[in-house]
Amino acid sequence: MHGARLHDLLGTRCDPYVNKMLTGEDFHHHCHSNLIRAVLPHGLTAFDVHEVLNIFQCTGLNHDDMYFMKACPAQKGDYLEFFAETDLLCALSTCPGGNLSLPMWGPEARDPLSVCRPLGGGDL
């Protein structure tokens, strides 16, 4: 994977600010906005959405210390199991960029719909 690792803790989630910097466009259907929409019905706000764990996201830093993403290597049936020792609320957002095999920004950016898969089903 050329220095990339799974379950990214390096980066953050995409948000309106990063999207505006990378594309110049306003967009609010990325992980940050999805997580906020998920917690609002529980009386929480954007300030309650903390750091993310990007499960099965394959990322790293290249030789120039630039962040990069690679296609998700997860296969159908792969999973993680969590155990909570206290009451908690977990919010989930699947990456609107799909399996990250297509460029999301820059001159080669493409529509990721073809590499998006449903949760708990479908072919990975």
Protein backbone atom coordinates (compact mmCIF):
# COMPACT_ATOMS: atom_id res chain seq x y z
CA MET A 1 0.00 0.00 0.00
CA HIS A 2 3.04 2.27 -0.40
CA GLY A 3 3.17 3.47 3.20
CA ALA A 4 -0.58 3.76 3.63
CA ARG A 5 -2.35 2.29 6.66
CA LEU A 6 -5.95 1.43 7.48
CA HIS A 7 -8.36 3.04 9.96
CA ASP A 8 -7.10 6.58 9.43
CA LEU A 9 -6.36 8.73 12.44
CA LEU A 10 -4.17 11.20 10.49
CA GLY A 11 -6.84 13.21 8.80
CA THR A 12 -10.17 14.61 9.69
CA ARG A 13 -13.48 14.38 7.96
CA CYS A 14 -14.32 16.51 4.94
CA ASP A 15 -16.25 19.63 5.88
CA PRO A 16 -17.62 22.79 4.22
CA TYR A 17 -14.40 24.74 4.91
CA VAL A 18 -12.05 22.13 3.40
CA ASN A 19 -14.37 21.59 0.45
CA LYS A 20 -14.46 25.34 -0.27
CA MET A 21 -10.64 25.50 -0.10
CA LEU A 22 -10.16 22.52 -2.44
CA THR A 23 -12.92 23.16 -4.97
CA GLY A 24 -14.13 26.72 -4.47
CA GLU A 25 -17.66 25.32 -4.16
CA ASP A 26 -20.16 25.13 -1.31
CA PHE A 27 -21.12 21.54 -0.54
CA HIS A 28 -22.80 20.15 2.56
CA HIS A 29 -23.17 16.42 1.95
CA HIS A 30 -19.88 15.16 3.32
CA CYS A 31 -19.02 13.36 6.54
CA HIS A 32 -18.94 16.43 8.80
CA SER A 33 -22.39 17.64 7.77
CA ASN A 34 -23.74 14.07 7.81
CA LEU A 35 -22.52 13.61 11.40
CA ILE A 36 -24.08 16.89 12.50
CA ARG A 37 -27.40 15.93 10.91
CA ALA A 38 -27.20 12.59 12.75
CA VAL A 39 -26.82 14.13 16.24
CA LEU A 40 -29.24 17.07 15.91
CA PRO A 41 -32.35 14.97 16.75
CA HIS A 42 -30.65 14.05 20.05
CA GLY A 43 -30.34 17.66 21.19
CA LEU A 44 -26.68 17.93 20.21
CA THR A 45 -24.91 20.44 17.96
CA ALA A 46 -21.85 20.67 15.72
CA PHE A 47 -19.78 21.37 18.85
CA ASP A 48 -20.64 17.87 20.10
CA VAL A 49 -19.20 16.17 17.00
CA HIS A 50 -15.61 15.37 17.88
CA GLU A 51 -12.80 13.58 16.07
CA VAL A 52 -13.57 10.77 13.70
CA LEU A 53 -12.22 7.27 13.16
CA ASN A 54 -12.09 6.66 9.43
CA ILE A 55 -12.76 2.91 9.41
CA PHE A 56 -11.25 1.02 6.46
CA GLN A 57 -9.93 4.29 5.02
CA CYS A 58 -6.47 3.73 3.58
CA THR A 59 -4.31 6.85 3.95
CA GLY A 60 -0.77 7.98 4.59
CA LEU A 61 1.88 10.62 4.07
CA ASN A 62 4.05 10.54 0.94
CA HIS A 63 7.78 11.37 0.78
CA ASP A 64 6.90 15.08 0.70
CA ASP A 65 4.71 14.71 3.82
CA MET A 66 1.56 15.23 1.75
CA TYR A 67 -1.59 13.39 2.85
CA PHE A 68 -2.90 10.82 0.36
CA MET A 69 -5.81 8.36 0.12
CA LYS A 70 -6.03 5.00 -1.63
CA ALA A 71 -8.93 2.74 -2.54
CA CYS A 72 -10.51 0.91 0.38
CA PRO A 73 -9.31 -2.71 0.50
CA ALA A 74 -12.32 -3.95 2.54
CA GLN A 75 -14.06 -7.06 1.28
CA LYS A 76 -17.66 -8.13 1.74
CA GLY A 77 -17.95 -9.56 5.25
CA ASP A 78 -15.17 -7.42 6.79
CA TYR A 79 -16.29 -5.72 9.99
CA LEU A 80 -15.22 -4.14 13.26
CA GLU A 81 -16.86 -4.80 16.59
CA PHE A 82 -17.04 -2.12 19.27
CA PHE A 83 -17.61 -2.57 23.00
CA ALA A 84 -18.84 0.41 25.02
CA GLU A 85 -18.28 0.52 28.78
CA THR A 86 -20.52 3.56 29.20
CA ASP A 87 -23.62 4.95 27.54
CA LEU A 88 -22.78 6.71 24.31
CA LEU A 89 -24.18 7.90 21.03
CA CYS A 90 -22.33 6.89 17.88
CA ALA A 91 -23.00 8.70 14.63
CA LEU A 92 -22.08 7.12 11.32
CA SER A 93 -21.37 8.60 7.92
CA THR A 94 -20.26 6.59 4.94
CA CYS A 95 -17.80 8.54 2.82
CA PRO A 96 -19.61 10.32 -0.01
CA GLY A 97 -16.38 9.67 -1.95
CA GLY A 98 -17.18 5.96 -1.99
CA ASN A 99 -14.18 3.64 -1.73
CA LEU A 100 -11.80 6.53 -2.54
CA SER A 101 -10.58 4.89 -5.76
CA LEU A 102 -11.50 7.99 -7.81
CA PRO A 103 -9.95 11.45 -7.37
CA MET A 104 -12.35 13.72 -5.48
CA TRP A 105 -10.54 17.02 -6.14
CA GLY A 106 -8.38 18.57 -8.81
CA PRO A 107 -8.42 18.32 -12.59
CA GLU A 108 -8.93 14.54 -12.58
CA ALA A 109 -11.86 14.60 -10.11
CA ARG A 110 -14.75 12.32 -11.06
CA ASP A 111 -18.23 11.56 -9.75
CA PRO A 112 -17.76 8.87 -7.07
CA LEU A 113 -21.29 7.43 -7.31
CA SER A 114 -20.02 4.34 -9.16
CA VAL A 115 -17.72 3.43 -6.24
CA CYS A 116 -20.25 4.01 -3.43
CA ARG A 117 -21.69 0.89 -1.77
CA PRO A 118 -24.58 0.39 0.68
CA LEU A 119 -23.95 -0.43 4.33
CA GLY A 120 -24.26 -4.08 5.22
CA GLY A 121 -24.85 -5.27 1.71
CA GLY A 122 -23.90 -5.00 -1.90
CA ASP A 123 -20.64 -5.91 -3.51
CA LEU A 124 -17.55 -4.16 -2.26
